[in-house]
Amino acid sequence: MIEKATGRLARNVVITLILITNIGCDQISKNIVRQKVGFYERIDIIKDHLTVTYVENPGAFLSIGSSLPPALRLTILSVIPLITLLFGIFYLLTQRSLTRMSTLALSFAIGGGIGNIYDRMIHGSVTDFLHVKFGIVQTGIFNMADVSIVTGMLIFFVQAYSRQARRLLRYTK
């Protein structure tokens, strides 16, 4: 019984550390950009491939929802996601059947979500600043919270793909 409780505590401490690390990296990087980079200023990190451009995004991904009335935007882009993230944290901390990879993926996605929700609630918009371009492939301007969310989703996809590949291998033997 004590070993089981100790294991749960250790697991929840690790989850909390992953969440805090994701939120911390996001918020520290955004604060540096807000303090050191001019609005719409472009700084080349890797010539034409990785740039920093400070923008404030009142909407969601690619400014979706930025033209909504303020009360509706607050509800759709802050309140509903906040409730979802709180449920996600509860689920993450209480669901014992999650694999380590699923736990890691959810921790990254939730940590990134919290970073962006924090911005919306405190600053009224989300600070974005990174832009990547390689040939014809390029991103919109994003932030470290977005990197956390995408990393979490990639972990889920890798886990799902590897699980499916293992099933296929079993059937071919």
C-alpha atoms as a PDB file:
ATOM      1  CA  MET A   1       0.000   0.000   0.000  1.00  0.00           C
ATOM      2  CA  ILE A   2       2.772   2.467   0.941  1.00  0.00           C
ATOM      3  CA  GLU A   3       4.771   1.523  -2.164  1.00  0.00           C
ATOM      4  CA  LYS A   4       1.702   2.163  -4.328  1.00  0.00           C
ATOM      5  CA  ALA A   5       1.116   5.593  -2.733  1.00  0.00           C
ATOM      6  CA  THR A   6       4.810   6.461  -3.090  1.00  0.00           C
ATOM      7  CA  GLY A   7       4.685   5.475  -6.764  1.00  0.00           C
ATOM      8  CA  ARG A   8       1.614   7.660  -7.344  1.00  0.00           C
ATOM      9  CA  LEU A   9       3.250  10.577  -5.553  1.00  0.00           C
ATOM     10  CA  ALA A  10       6.452  10.229  -7.587  1.00  0.00           C
ATOM     11  CA  ARG A  11       4.422  10.013 -10.812  1.00  0.00           C
ATOM     12  CA  ASN A  12       2.436  13.142  -9.929  1.00  0.00           C
ATOM     13  CA  VAL A  13       5.618  15.016  -8.967  1.00  0.00           C
ATOM     14  CA  VAL A  14       7.132  14.155 -12.369  1.00  0.00           C
ATOM     15  CA  ILE A  15       3.930  15.262 -14.146  1.00  0.00           C
ATOM     16  CA  THR A  16       3.929  18.526 -12.190  1.00  0.00           C
ATOM     17  CA  LEU A  17       7.599  19.142 -13.034  1.00  0.00           C
ATOM     18  CA  ILE A  18       6.927  18.551 -16.745  1.00  0.00           C
ATOM     19  CA  LEU A  19       3.968  20.957 -16.641  1.00  0.00           C
ATOM     20  CA  ILE A  20       5.976  23.618 -14.782  1.00  0.00           C
ATOM     21  CA  THR A  21       8.939  23.218 -17.153  1.00  0.00           C
ATOM     22  CA  ASN A  22       6.738  23.654 -20.226  1.00  0.00           C
ATOM     23  CA  ILE A  23       4.916  26.656 -18.762  1.00  0.00           C
ATOM     24  CA  GLY A  24       8.181  28.151 -17.475  1.00  0.00           C
ATOM     25  CA  CYS A  25      10.046  27.860 -20.805  1.00  0.00           C
ATOM     26  CA  ASP A  26       7.080  29.425 -22.561  1.00  0.00           C
ATOM     27  CA  GLN A  27       6.619  32.314 -20.146  1.00  0.00           C
ATOM     28  CA  ILE A  28      10.335  33.086 -19.791  1.00  0.00           C
ATOM     29  CA  SER A  29      10.808  33.184 -23.574  1.00  0.00           C
ATOM     30  CA  LYS A  30       7.736  35.411 -24.023  1.00  0.00           C
ATOM     31  CA  ASN A  31       8.900  37.799 -21.294  1.00  0.00           C
ATOM     32  CA  ILE A  32      12.338  38.090 -22.917  1.00  0.00           C
ATOM     33  CA  VAL A  33      10.736  38.870 -26.276  1.00  0.00           C
ATOM     34  CA  ARG A  34       8.340  41.444 -24.742  1.00  0.00           C
ATOM     35  CA  GLN A  35      11.280  43.191 -23.028  1.00  0.00           C
ATOM     36  CA  LYS A  36      14.024  42.934 -25.655  1.00  0.00           C
ATOM     37  CA  VAL A  37      12.326  42.844 -29.083  1.00  0.00           C
ATOM     38  CA  GLY A  38      10.359  45.669 -30.683  1.00  0.00           C
ATOM     39  CA  PHE A  39       6.829  45.042 -31.882  1.00  0.00           C
ATOM     40  CA  TYR A  40       7.047  43.539 -35.403  1.00  0.00           C
ATOM     41  CA  GLU A  41      10.860  43.730 -35.243  1.00  0.00           C
ATOM     42  CA  ARG A  42      12.484  40.869 -37.174  1.00  0.00           C
ATOM     43  CA  ILE A  43      15.691  39.257 -35.933  1.00  0.00           C
ATOM     44  CA  ASP A  44      17.405  36.533 -37.973  1.00  0.00           C
ATOM     45  CA  ILE A  45      18.598  33.671 -35.802  1.00  0.00           C
ATOM     46  CA  ILE A  46      19.479  31.377 -38.713  1.00  0.00           C
ATOM     47  CA  LYS A  47      19.475  33.539 -41.841  1.00  0.00           C
ATOM     48  CA  ASP A  48      16.006  33.406 -43.444  1.00  0.00           C
ATOM     49  CA  HIS A  49      15.289  30.010 -41.819  1.00  0.00           C
ATOM     50  CA  LEU A  50      14.607  30.858 -38.170  1.00  0.00           C
ATOM     51  CA  THR A  51      13.539  34.359 -37.233  1.00  0.00           C
ATOM     52  CA  VAL A  52      12.149  36.123 -34.212  1.00  0.00           C
ATOM     53  CA  THR A  53       9.329  38.576 -34.892  1.00  0.00           C
ATOM     54  CA  TYR A  54       7.365  39.871 -31.912  1.00  0.00           C
ATOM     55  CA  VAL A  55       3.578  39.925 -32.436  1.00  0.00           C
ATOM     56  CA  GLU A  56       0.566  39.797 -30.152  1.00  0.00           C
ATOM     57  CA  ASN A  57      -2.173  37.427 -31.285  1.00  0.00           C
ATOM     58  CA  PRO A  58      -5.647  38.150 -29.870  1.00  0.00           C
ATOM     59  CA  GLY A  59      -7.012  35.003 -31.539  1.00  0.00           C
ATOM     60  CA  ALA A  60      -6.121  31.355 -31.621  1.00  0.00           C
ATOM     61  CA  PHE A  61      -3.977  29.478 -34.148  1.00  0.00           C
ATOM     62  CA  LEU A  62      -3.277  31.779 -37.141  1.00  0.00           C
ATOM     63  CA  SER A  63      -5.399  34.508 -35.453  1.00  0.00           C
ATOM     64  CA  ILE A  64      -8.622  32.531 -35.799  1.00  0.00           C
ATOM     65  CA  GLY A  65     -11.301  34.206 -33.694  1.00  0.00           C
ATOM     66  CA  SER A  66      -9.451  37.511 -33.343  1.00  0.00           C
ATOM     67  CA  SER A  67     -12.385  39.437 -34.854  1.00  0.00           C
ATOM     68  CA  LEU A  68     -14.981  37.965 -32.472  1.00  0.00           C
ATOM     69  CA  PRO A  69     -16.669  40.311 -29.980  1.00  0.00           C
ATOM     70  CA  PRO A  70     -14.556  40.496 -26.790  1.00  0.00           C
ATOM     71  CA  ALA A  71     -17.009  38.609 -24.539  1.00  0.00           C
ATOM     72  CA  LEU A  72     -17.430  35.780 -27.041  1.00  0.00           C
ATOM     73  CA  ARG A  73     -13.668  35.669 -27.692  1.00  0.00           C
ATOM     74  CA  LEU A  74     -13.031  35.448 -23.927  1.00  0.00           C
ATOM     75  CA  THR A  75     -15.498  32.576 -23.597  1.00  0.00           C
ATOM     76  CA  ILE A  76     -14.342  30.597 -26.640  1.00  0.00           C
ATOM     77  CA  LEU A  77     -10.600  31.223 -26.358  1.00  0.00           C
ATOM     78  CA  SER A  78     -10.118  31.399 -22.582  1.00  0.00           C
ATOM     79  CA  VAL A  79     -12.936  30.085 -20.395  1.00  0.00           C
ATOM     80  CA  ILE A  80     -13.771  26.898 -22.310  1.00  0.00           C
ATOM     81  CA  PRO A  81     -10.084  25.970 -22.861  1.00  0.00           C
ATOM     82  CA  LEU A  82      -9.318  26.714 -19.184  1.00  0.00           C
ATOM     83  CA  ILE A  83     -12.077  24.345 -18.041  1.00  0.00           C
ATOM     84  CA  THR A  84     -10.787  21.731 -20.500  1.00  0.00           C
ATOM     85  CA  LEU A  85      -7.195  22.125 -19.263  1.00  0.00           C
ATOM     86  CA  LEU A  86      -8.270  21.846 -15.612  1.00  0.00           C
ATOM     87  CA  PHE A  87     -10.152  18.645 -16.470  1.00  0.00           C
ATOM     88  CA  GLY A  88      -7.043  17.460 -18.332  1.00  0.00           C
ATOM     89  CA  ILE A  89      -4.841  18.060 -15.285  1.00  0.00           C
ATOM     90  CA  PHE A  90      -7.303  16.203 -13.062  1.00  0.00           C
ATOM     91  CA  TYR A  91      -7.420  13.312 -15.543  1.00  0.00           C
ATOM     92  CA  LEU A  92      -3.639  13.252 -15.868  1.00  0.00           C
ATOM     93  CA  LEU A  93      -3.080  13.163 -12.103  1.00  0.00           C
ATOM     94  CA  THR A  94      -5.783  10.594 -11.337  1.00  0.00           C
ATOM     95  CA  GLN A  95      -5.830   8.227 -14.349  1.00  0.00           C
ATOM     96  CA  ARG A  96      -3.447   5.384 -13.503  1.00  0.00           C
ATOM     97  CA  SER A  97      -3.952   3.407 -16.698  1.00  0.00           C
ATOM     98  CA  LEU A  98      -2.191   5.951 -18.935  1.00  0.00           C
ATOM     99  CA  THR A  99       1.047   4.763 -20.484  1.00  0.00           C
ATOM    100  CA  ARG A 100       4.197   6.755 -19.769  1.00  0.00           C
ATOM    101  CA  MET A 101       4.160   8.059 -23.347  1.00  0.00           C
ATOM    102  CA  SER A 102       0.513   9.158 -23.067  1.00  0.00           C
ATOM    103  CA  THR A 103       1.271  10.834 -19.756  1.00  0.00           C
ATOM    104  CA  LEU A 104       4.242  12.645 -21.295  1.00  0.00           C
ATOM    105  CA  ALA A 105       2.211  13.672 -24.349  1.00  0.00           C
ATOM    106  CA  LEU A 106      -0.666  15.023 -22.256  1.00  0.00           C
ATOM    107  CA  SER A 107       1.746  16.835 -19.922  1.00  0.00           C
ATOM    108  CA  PHE A 108       3.361  18.646 -22.849  1.00  0.00           C
ATOM    109  CA  ALA A 109       0.030  19.510 -24.499  1.00  0.00           C
ATOM    110  CA  ILE A 110      -1.556  20.728 -21.258  1.00  0.00           C
ATOM    111  CA  GLY A 111       1.558  22.683 -20.243  1.00  0.00           C
ATOM    112  CA  GLY A 112       1.558  24.478 -23.597  1.00  0.00           C
ATOM    113  CA  GLY A 113      -2.162  25.135 -23.349  1.00  0.00           C
ATOM    114  CA  ILE A 114      -1.737  26.677 -19.906  1.00  0.00           C
ATOM    115  CA  GLY A 115       1.054  28.937 -21.211  1.00  0.00           C
ATOM    116  CA  ASN A 116      -1.196  30.358 -23.920  1.00  0.00           C
ATOM    117  CA  ILE A 117      -4.271  30.627 -21.656  1.00  0.00           C
ATOM    118  CA  TYR A 118      -2.171  32.505 -19.103  1.00  0.00           C
ATOM    119  CA  ASP A 119      -1.191  35.027 -21.792  1.00  0.00           C
ATOM    120  CA  ARG A 120      -4.786  35.527 -22.904  1.00  0.00           C
ATOM    121  CA  MET A 121      -6.051  36.030 -19.367  1.00  0.00           C
ATOM    122  CA  ILE A 122      -3.204  38.261 -18.149  1.00  0.00           C
ATOM    123  CA  HIS A 123      -2.204  40.157 -21.323  1.00  0.00           C
ATOM    124  CA  GLY A 124      -5.394  39.906 -23.405  1.00  0.00           C
ATOM    125  CA  SER A 125      -3.505  38.241 -26.253  1.00  0.00           C
ATOM    126  CA  VAL A 126      -0.874  35.580 -26.860  1.00  0.00           C
ATOM    127  CA  THR A 127       2.728  36.600 -27.514  1.00  0.00           C
ATOM    128  CA  ASP A 128       4.104  34.890 -30.621  1.00  0.00           C
ATOM    129  CA  PHE A 129       7.626  35.330 -31.915  1.00  0.00           C
ATOM    130  CA  LEU A 130       9.134  32.353 -33.768  1.00  0.00           C
ATOM    131  CA  HIS A 131       8.975  31.803 -37.534  1.00  0.00           C
ATOM    132  CA  VAL A 132      10.541  28.889 -39.405  1.00  0.00           C
ATOM    133  CA  LYS A 133      11.084  28.718 -43.171  1.00  0.00           C
ATOM    134  CA  PHE A 134      12.869  25.991 -45.126  1.00  0.00           C
ATOM    135  CA  GLY A 135      12.309  26.227 -48.874  1.00  0.00           C
ATOM    136  CA  ILE A 136       8.599  26.145 -49.588  1.00  0.00           C
ATOM    137  CA  VAL A 137       7.812  24.930 -46.050  1.00  0.00           C
ATOM    138  CA  GLN A 138       7.160  27.671 -43.537  1.00  0.00           C
ATOM    139  CA  THR A 139       5.187  28.221 -40.375  1.00  0.00           C
ATOM    140  CA  GLY A 140       3.106  31.046 -39.066  1.00  0.00           C
ATOM    141  CA  ILE A 141       4.541  32.945 -36.124  1.00  0.00           C
ATOM    142  CA  PHE A 142       4.330  30.791 -32.993  1.00  0.00           C
ATOM    143  CA  ASN A 143       5.702  30.467 -29.445  1.00  0.00           C
ATOM    144  CA  MET A 144       7.136  27.852 -27.090  1.00  0.00           C
ATOM    145  CA  ALA A 145       3.670  26.901 -25.793  1.00  0.00           C
ATOM    146  CA  ASP A 146       2.790  25.945 -29.362  1.00  0.00           C
ATOM    147  CA  VAL A 147       5.990  23.888 -29.524  1.00  0.00           C
ATOM    148  CA  SER A 148       4.899  22.063 -26.345  1.00  0.00           C
ATOM    149  CA  ILE A 149       1.430  21.376 -27.757  1.00  0.00           C
ATOM    150  CA  VAL A 150       2.812  20.090 -31.064  1.00  0.00           C
ATOM    151  CA  THR A 151       5.414  17.975 -29.235  1.00  0.00           C
ATOM    152  CA  GLY A 152       2.649  16.407 -27.155  1.00  0.00           C
ATOM    153  CA  MET A 153       0.626  15.628 -30.273  1.00  0.00           C
ATOM    154  CA  LEU A 154       3.680  14.168 -32.034  1.00  0.00           C
ATOM    155  CA  ILE A 155       4.324  11.890 -29.053  1.00  0.00           C
ATOM    156  CA  PHE A 156       0.710  10.673 -29.302  1.00  0.00           C
ATOM    157  CA  PHE A 157       1.064  10.017 -33.041  1.00  0.00           C
ATOM    158  CA  VAL A 158       4.368   8.178 -32.597  1.00  0.00           C
ATOM    159  CA  GLN A 159       2.863   6.078 -29.823  1.00  0.00           C
ATOM    160  CA  ALA A 160      -0.232   5.278 -31.885  1.00  0.00           C
ATOM    161  CA  TYR A 161       1.858   4.463 -34.967  1.00  0.00           C
ATOM    162  CA  SER A 162       4.288   2.250 -33.052  1.00  0.00           C
ATOM    163  CA  ARG A 163       1.412   0.434 -31.357  1.00  0.00           C
ATOM    164  CA  GLN A 164      -0.239  -0.145 -34.746  1.00  0.00           C
ATOM    165  CA  ALA A 165       3.070  -1.316 -36.246  1.00  0.00           C
ATOM    166  CA  ARG A 166       3.518  -3.831 -33.398  1.00  0.00           C
ATOM    167  CA  ARG A 167       0.007  -5.188 -34.027  1.00  0.00           C
ATOM    168  CA  LEU A 168       0.734  -5.586 -37.726  1.00  0.00           C
ATOM    169  CA  LEU A 169       3.975  -7.407 -36.970  1.00  0.00           C
ATOM    170  CA  ARG A 170       2.128  -9.843 -34.707  1.00  0.00           C
ATOM    171  CA  TYR A 171      -0.324 -10.653 -37.500  1.00  0.00           C
ATOM    172  CA  THR A 172       2.426 -11.270 -40.060  1.00  0.00           C
ATOM    173  CA  LYS A 173       4.295 -13.794 -37.908  1.00  0.00           C
END
